[in-house]
Protein backbone atom coordinates (compact mmCIF):
# COMPACT_ATOMS: atom_id res chain seq x y z
CA MET A 1 31.79 19.58 -92.69
CA VAL A 2 29.59 16.49 -92.38
CA ARG A 3 27.75 16.40 -89.08
CA PRO A 4 27.93 13.13 -87.16
CA ALA A 5 24.73 11.10 -87.34
CA ILE A 6 24.82 10.82 -83.56
CA GLN A 7 25.96 13.62 -81.26
CA VAL A 8 25.82 11.73 -77.99
CA LEU A 9 25.75 8.05 -77.10
CA HIS A 10 24.49 6.76 -73.74
CA ILE A 11 25.37 3.33 -72.36
CA GLY A 12 24.12 1.51 -69.28
CA SER A 13 21.62 -0.99 -67.93
CA ALA A 14 18.08 -0.04 -67.05
CA ALA A 15 17.02 -0.90 -63.51
CA ARG A 16 13.62 -2.03 -62.34
CA ASP A 17 12.47 -0.49 -59.07
CA ILE A 18 9.77 -2.36 -57.17
CA ALA A 19 6.67 -0.14 -57.13
CA SER A 20 3.42 -1.34 -55.57
CA GLY A 21 1.50 1.52 -57.19
CA ASP A 22 2.34 0.29 -60.69
CA ARG A 23 0.20 -2.55 -62.05
CA ARG A 24 3.38 -4.29 -63.24
CA GLY A 25 4.75 -4.16 -59.71
CA TRP A 26 7.80 -2.19 -60.84
CA ARG A 27 8.92 0.98 -62.59
CA LEU A 28 11.79 1.30 -65.06
CA GLY A 29 14.66 3.64 -64.28
CA GLY A 30 18.43 3.76 -64.27
CA GLY A 31 20.71 6.65 -65.12
CA VAL A 32 20.97 5.72 -68.79
CA THR A 33 17.24 6.25 -69.36
CA TYR A 34 17.22 9.70 -67.74
CA ALA A 35 20.42 10.77 -69.48
CA ALA A 36 19.28 9.67 -72.94
CA LEU A 37 15.86 11.28 -72.61
CA THR A 38 17.47 14.49 -71.37
CA THR A 39 19.82 15.00 -74.31
CA ALA A 40 17.11 14.03 -76.80
CA ARG A 41 14.63 16.52 -75.33
CA LEU A 42 17.36 19.17 -75.37
CA GLY A 43 17.60 18.63 -79.11
CA LEU A 44 20.75 16.54 -79.53
CA ARG A 45 20.84 13.59 -81.90
CA THR A 46 20.91 10.84 -79.32
CA ALA A 47 21.54 7.10 -79.30
CA ALA A 48 21.35 4.73 -76.36
CA LEU A 49 22.49 1.18 -75.72
CA VAL A 50 20.36 -0.03 -72.82
CA GLY A 51 20.80 -3.35 -71.05
CA VAL A 52 17.44 -4.92 -70.13
CA ASP A 53 16.10 -8.20 -68.81
CA ALA A 54 13.15 -9.95 -70.45
CA GLU A 55 10.53 -8.07 -68.41
CA ALA A 56 12.06 -4.64 -68.98
CA ALA A 57 12.45 -5.12 -72.74
CA SER A 58 8.83 -4.14 -73.38
CA ALA A 59 8.60 -1.41 -70.72
CA ARG A 60 6.46 1.54 -71.70
CA GLU A 61 9.11 3.90 -70.33
CA LEU A 62 11.32 2.96 -73.27
CA ASP A 63 8.64 4.37 -75.59
CA LEU A 64 9.32 7.80 -74.06
CA LEU A 65 12.89 7.56 -75.32
CA SER A 66 11.87 6.44 -78.80
CA ASP A 67 9.15 9.10 -79.02
CA ALA A 68 11.75 11.76 -78.14
CA GLY A 69 13.90 10.63 -81.06
CA VAL A 70 16.41 8.43 -79.26
CA ASP A 71 17.96 5.81 -81.54
CA LEU A 72 17.45 2.97 -79.09
CA ARG A 73 19.22 -0.39 -79.08
CA LEU A 74 18.32 -2.93 -76.40
CA ALA A 75 20.90 -5.43 -75.18
CA GLU A 76 18.87 -8.27 -73.70
CA LEU A 77 20.50 -9.64 -70.58
CA PRO A 78 19.71 -12.75 -68.53
CA GLU A 79 19.42 -10.48 -65.52
CA SER A 80 19.36 -6.72 -65.02
CA PRO A 81 19.39 -4.82 -61.70
CA VAL A 82 16.25 -4.80 -59.57
CA PHE A 83 15.93 -2.72 -56.40
CA HIS A 84 13.44 -2.20 -53.60
CA ASN A 85 13.40 1.36 -52.30
CA LEU A 86 12.05 2.51 -48.95
CA GLU A 87 11.80 6.23 -48.28
CA THR A 88 12.43 7.13 -44.62
CA SER A 89 12.91 10.34 -42.67
CA ALA A 90 16.65 9.64 -42.79
CA GLY A 91 16.66 9.13 -46.56
CA ARG A 92 16.23 6.28 -49.00
CA VAL A 93 17.00 2.72 -47.96
CA GLN A 94 17.70 0.63 -51.05
CA THR A 95 17.75 -3.18 -51.05
CA VAL A 96 19.10 -5.33 -53.87
CA VAL A 97 16.67 -7.83 -55.38
CA ARG A 98 18.90 -8.72 -58.35
CA THR A 99 22.41 -7.49 -59.07
CA GLY A 100 22.38 -7.72 -62.85
CA VAL A 101 25.22 -8.85 -65.12
CA PRO A 102 27.92 -6.98 -67.10
CA LEU A 103 27.01 -5.06 -70.24
CA GLU A 104 29.53 -6.14 -72.87
CA PRO A 105 31.01 -3.87 -75.60
CA VAL A 106 30.10 -6.44 -78.26
CA ALA A 107 26.50 -5.22 -78.00
CA LEU A 108 27.45 -1.76 -79.35
CA PRO A 109 26.62 -1.07 -83.02
CA ALA A 110 29.87 -0.29 -84.86
CA SER A 111 28.29 2.70 -86.60
CA TRP A 112 27.82 4.45 -83.26
CA THR A 113 31.43 4.45 -82.14
CA ASP A 114 32.32 7.77 -83.80
CA ALA A 115 29.85 9.73 -81.65
CA PRO A 116 31.56 12.91 -80.37
CA GLY A 117 29.88 12.59 -76.97
CA TRP A 118 29.81 9.47 -74.78
CA SER A 119 27.79 9.08 -71.60
CA LEU A 120 28.52 6.04 -69.45
CA ALA A 121 25.77 5.58 -66.87
CA PRO A 122 26.30 2.35 -64.93
CA VAL A 123 23.71 1.58 -62.27
CA ALA A 124 25.30 -1.58 -60.88
CA GLY A 125 28.92 -1.63 -62.01
CA GLU A 126 27.96 -3.25 -65.31
CA ILE A 127 30.34 -1.10 -67.40
CA ALA A 128 34.00 -2.07 -67.05
CA ASP A 129 37.30 -0.84 -68.45
CA ASP A 130 36.98 -3.13 -71.47
CA TRP A 131 34.76 -0.39 -72.93
CA LEU A 132 37.77 1.93 -73.25
CA ALA A 133 38.89 0.41 -76.53
CA SER A 134 35.58 1.43 -78.16
CA ILE A 135 35.77 5.12 -77.21
CA PRO A 136 37.43 7.42 -79.79
CA GLY A 137 40.24 9.58 -78.47
CA THR A 138 38.50 12.79 -79.52
CA ALA A 139 35.20 12.05 -77.75
CA ILE A 140 33.92 14.04 -74.78
CA VAL A 141 33.21 11.41 -72.13
CA ALA A 142 30.91 11.71 -69.12
CA VAL A 143 30.67 9.08 -66.38
CA GLY A 144 28.04 8.74 -63.67
CA TRP A 145 30.12 7.61 -60.70
CA GLN A 146 27.29 6.35 -58.47
CA GLY A 147 26.95 2.98 -60.16
CA LEU A 148 30.66 2.33 -59.61
CA LEU A 149 30.50 3.14 -55.89
CA ARG A 150 28.08 0.41 -54.80
CA ARG A 151 28.40 -2.95 -53.11
CA LEU A 152 25.54 -5.09 -54.40
CA VAL A 153 24.54 -8.41 -52.87
CA ALA A 154 21.10 -9.88 -53.58
CA GLY A 155 18.87 -9.63 -50.53
CA GLU A 156 21.05 -7.04 -48.81
CA ARG A 157 21.03 -3.27 -48.58
CA VAL A 158 23.04 -1.30 -51.10
CA GLU A 159 26.28 -0.26 -49.44
CA ARG A 160 28.77 2.41 -50.45
CA THR A 161 32.24 1.33 -51.50
CA PRO A 162 35.28 3.64 -51.56
CA PRO A 163 36.46 5.02 -54.90
CA THR A 164 39.09 2.98 -56.72
CA GLU A 165 41.35 3.58 -59.68
CA LEU A 166 39.49 2.86 -62.93
CA GLY A 167 40.48 3.47 -66.52
CA LEU A 168 36.97 4.77 -67.28
CA LEU A 169 37.34 7.49 -64.65
CA ARG A 170 40.80 8.41 -65.87
CA ARG A 171 39.43 8.76 -69.40
CA ALA A 172 36.37 10.80 -68.39
CA ASP A 173 36.19 14.53 -69.07
CA LEU A 174 33.13 15.00 -66.87
CA VAL A 175 32.20 12.91 -63.83
CA GLY A 176 29.06 13.26 -61.71
CA VAL A 177 28.65 12.10 -58.12
CA SER A 178 26.12 12.80 -55.38
CA HIS A 179 27.12 13.74 -51.85
CA HIS A 180 25.12 10.65 -50.84
CA ASP A 181 27.54 8.40 -52.75
CA VAL A 182 30.64 9.24 -50.69
CA ASP A 183 31.28 10.23 -47.11
CA ALA A 184 30.60 13.92 -46.49
CA THR A 185 34.06 14.32 -44.95
CA THR A 186 35.77 13.11 -48.12
CA GLN A 187 38.13 15.75 -49.46
CA LEU A 188 37.49 16.92 -53.00
CA SER A 189 41.18 16.36 -53.72
CA GLU A 190 40.74 12.67 -52.83
CA LEU A 191 38.16 12.32 -55.60
CA ALA A 192 39.98 14.56 -58.07
CA ARG A 193 43.06 12.35 -58.02
CA PHE A 194 41.13 9.61 -59.84
CA LEU A 195 40.52 11.95 -62.82
CA HIS A 196 42.84 13.37 -65.46
CA SER A 197 44.08 16.95 -65.20
CA GLY A 198 41.50 19.31 -66.68
CA ALA A 199 38.55 16.99 -66.08
CA ARG A 200 35.47 18.33 -64.33
CA LEU A 201 33.84 16.74 -61.28
CA LEU A 202 30.21 17.61 -60.51
CA VAL A 203 29.21 17.06 -56.88
CA THR A 204 25.45 17.43 -56.40
CA GLN A 205 24.17 18.26 -52.92
CA GLY A 206 20.41 18.17 -53.38
CA ASP A 207 18.56 21.24 -52.18
CA ARG A 208 21.88 22.79 -51.11
CA GLY A 209 23.14 23.12 -54.68
CA GLY A 210 26.56 21.65 -55.30
CA LEU A 211 30.10 22.05 -56.59
CA LEU A 212 31.86 21.88 -59.94
CA VAL A 213 35.53 21.04 -59.55
CA THR A 214 38.07 21.45 -62.33
CA THR A 215 41.01 19.18 -61.62
CA GLY A 216 44.61 20.34 -61.77
CA PRO A 217 47.85 18.39 -62.19
CA LEU A 218 47.73 17.17 -58.59
CA ALA A 219 44.26 17.70 -57.14
CA ALA A 220 41.20 19.97 -57.16
CA ASP A 221 42.43 23.13 -58.85
CA ASP A 222 39.35 25.30 -59.19
CA VAL A 223 35.95 25.06 -57.51
CA LEU A 224 32.65 26.73 -58.39
CA ARG A 225 29.60 26.53 -56.15
CA TYR A 226 26.16 26.65 -57.70
CA LEU A 227 23.25 27.57 -55.49
CA PRO A 228 20.06 25.49 -55.74
CA THR A 229 17.59 26.34 -58.46
CA ARG A 230 14.06 26.75 -57.14
CA THR A 231 11.45 24.20 -58.16
CA ASP A 232 7.71 24.70 -58.44
CA GLY A 233 7.18 21.70 -56.16
CA GLU A 234 9.12 18.47 -55.80
CA VAL A 235 7.21 15.34 -56.79
CA ASP A 236 9.97 12.76 -57.34
CA PRO A 237 13.72 13.39 -56.92
CA THR A 238 14.69 10.23 -58.81
CA GLY A 239 16.92 10.94 -61.80
CA ALA A 240 17.58 14.60 -61.02
CA GLY A 241 21.33 14.07 -60.79
CA ASP A 242 21.38 12.06 -64.02
CA THR A 243 19.41 14.81 -65.77
CA PHE A 244 21.78 17.47 -64.41
CA LEU A 245 24.90 15.61 -65.60
CA ALA A 246 23.40 14.89 -69.02
CA ALA A 247 22.45 18.55 -69.49
CA LEU A 248 25.97 19.61 -68.54
CA LEU A 249 27.39 17.17 -71.09
CA ALA A 250 24.93 18.41 -73.71
CA ALA A 251 26.08 21.99 -73.15
CA SER A 252 29.68 20.89 -73.73
CA ILE A 253 28.80 19.09 -76.96
CA GLU A 254 26.42 21.74 -78.32
CA PRO A 255 27.41 25.18 -76.96
CA ASP A 256 24.48 26.90 -78.68
CA LEU A 257 22.10 25.23 -76.22
CA VAL A 258 23.20 27.76 -73.61
CA ALA A 259 22.68 31.47 -74.22
CA SER A 260 26.06 33.11 -73.72
CA GLY A 261 24.91 36.69 -73.28
CA ASP A 262 26.87 39.36 -71.50
CA PRO A 263 28.15 38.00 -68.16
CA GLY A 264 27.07 41.26 -66.62
CA GLU A 265 23.47 40.45 -67.45
CA TYR A 266 23.56 37.40 -65.22
CA PRO A 267 24.38 37.80 -61.54
CA GLY A 268 27.04 35.24 -60.85
CA GLY A 269 28.54 35.81 -64.29
CA GLY A 270 31.62 37.94 -64.69
CA LEU A 271 33.75 35.50 -62.68
CA GLY A 272 36.94 36.89 -64.13
CA ASP A 273 37.50 35.19 -67.48
CA SER A 274 35.47 33.92 -70.41
CA ARG A 275 36.08 30.25 -69.57
CA SER A 276 34.72 30.63 -66.04
CA ASP A 277 31.79 32.64 -67.30
CA ARG A 278 31.00 29.89 -69.79
CA LEU A 279 31.15 27.25 -67.04
CA ALA A 280 28.83 29.37 -64.91
CA ALA A 281 26.32 29.61 -67.77
CA GLU A 282 26.48 25.84 -68.34
CA LEU A 283 25.98 25.21 -64.62
CA ARG A 284 22.89 27.43 -64.50
CA PHE A 285 21.51 25.63 -67.54
CA ALA A 286 22.14 22.15 -66.10
CA ALA A 287 20.85 23.12 -62.65
CA ALA A 288 17.64 24.37 -64.27
CA ALA A 289 17.24 21.00 -66.00
CA GLY A 290 17.76 19.15 -62.73
CA SER A 291 15.23 21.33 -60.90
CA LEU A 292 12.57 20.60 -63.51
CA ALA A 293 13.22 16.86 -63.41
CA VAL A 294 11.92 16.56 -59.84
CA GLU A 295 8.56 18.10 -60.76
CA GLY A 296 7.24 14.95 -62.45
CA VAL A 297 7.11 11.25 -61.66
CA GLY A 298 10.06 9.30 -63.03
CA LEU A 299 11.00 9.97 -66.64
CA ALA A 300 7.92 12.16 -67.11
CA GLY A 301 9.79 14.94 -65.33
CA VAL A 302 12.64 15.17 -67.86
CA PRO A 303 12.26 18.66 -69.39
CA SER A 304 12.34 20.12 -72.88
CA HIS A 305 14.97 22.63 -74.02
CA GLU A 306 12.39 25.42 -73.95
CA ALA A 307 11.49 24.66 -70.34
CA VAL A 308 15.14 24.60 -69.29
CA VAL A 309 15.89 27.93 -70.96
CA ALA A 310 12.84 29.51 -69.32
CA ARG A 311 13.76 28.15 -65.88
CA ALA A 312 17.39 29.31 -66.24
CA ALA A 313 16.21 32.79 -67.23
CA ARG A 314 13.85 32.94 -64.28
CA GLU A 315 16.62 32.00 -61.88
CA SER A 316 19.24 34.34 -63.36
CA VAL A 317 18.11 37.06 -60.96
CA GLN A 318 19.99 35.17 -58.25
CA ARG A 319 23.76 35.08 -57.87
CA ALA A 320 23.64 31.44 -58.83
CA VAL A 321 27.32 30.59 -59.39
CA LEU A 322 30.37 31.77 -57.48
CA PRO A 323 33.94 30.68 -56.79
CA SER A 324 34.27 28.52 -53.71
CA LEU A 325 36.91 27.58 -51.17
CA ALA A 326 35.24 24.23 -50.45
CA VAL A 327 37.55 21.29 -49.76
CA LEU A 328 35.04 18.65 -48.60
CA VAL A 329 32.27 16.85 -50.49
CA GLY A 330 29.80 17.87 -47.78
CA SER A 331 30.84 21.52 -47.69
CA THR A 332 27.98 24.02 -47.57
CA ASP A 333 30.16 27.13 -47.75
CA ARG A 334 28.61 30.32 -49.11
CA ASP A 335 31.81 32.31 -49.32
CA ASP A 336 32.06 35.60 -51.17
CA GLY A 337 34.05 34.27 -54.08
CA THR A 338 37.43 35.59 -53.01
CA ARG A 339 39.78 32.74 -53.69
CA ARG A 340 42.79 32.53 -51.41
CA GLY A 341 45.82 30.27 -51.39
């Protein structure tokens, strides 16, 4: 069998974050940069279509992607998203400097369309349903939901918007969202209804861990809670969720990334069937990647495969994954894994 030239393709616009400590006055980010660097450093053959404005096109951060082996194609845009971030005791306050413009499918190289893994990482709603026609029916598709849950007006604070029906979400096999992106009282079933049956929804909850929901025919069918993976000191939380989601996608595309082992060797394994045990192993792997990402500044924190495996092994002494009865996005349940009703 001929292996595909590209295993995973990432699409999205890079964002520039105003940063007084950088001599340029800004720092490059955006979910697509973290996701692409993650899968490349995990060893997958990675390509990325990144929307950039004129200033971002020569950003040194893009060299990190190229140096890691990412096949990088820049789509030059008249305007890409620019944000000003203010960290407060109540959390980050983000103000829109520029909203950016749509990233059009015409920018995608035709030779990339047969990639078995697709990662759509919008930062400012720049990826629309017109991308659906480019995605092969057999591809595993991941979507970062955050960039589709924002109201962006230049000069104003970023505001949350409620989830809406989108073809991209309905097509996605894996969707990631932070508890910051939706109201904490939102029911998991309310989010699950936007996804197809059998899709997985990752809800990250920062230092509280998070939830992995497998959707059923009508709503959230099965829920696993993962407990937080310890870090060796948080430096910068930016991009941790993007790294987590990309690592989870990578584990789906390339199962050998995650040591299967005997579920009995890993507390939190042995959840009752091989599929659940596999999901638990993938969650531990992805959570380890996310925990390492916060230990460096910006993209510098994105870890190698060796570092992720070592962190996952270190944390396997904890009961890291267990069934959950959670029904709300903000749930912090630590139940004993006995699923009822």
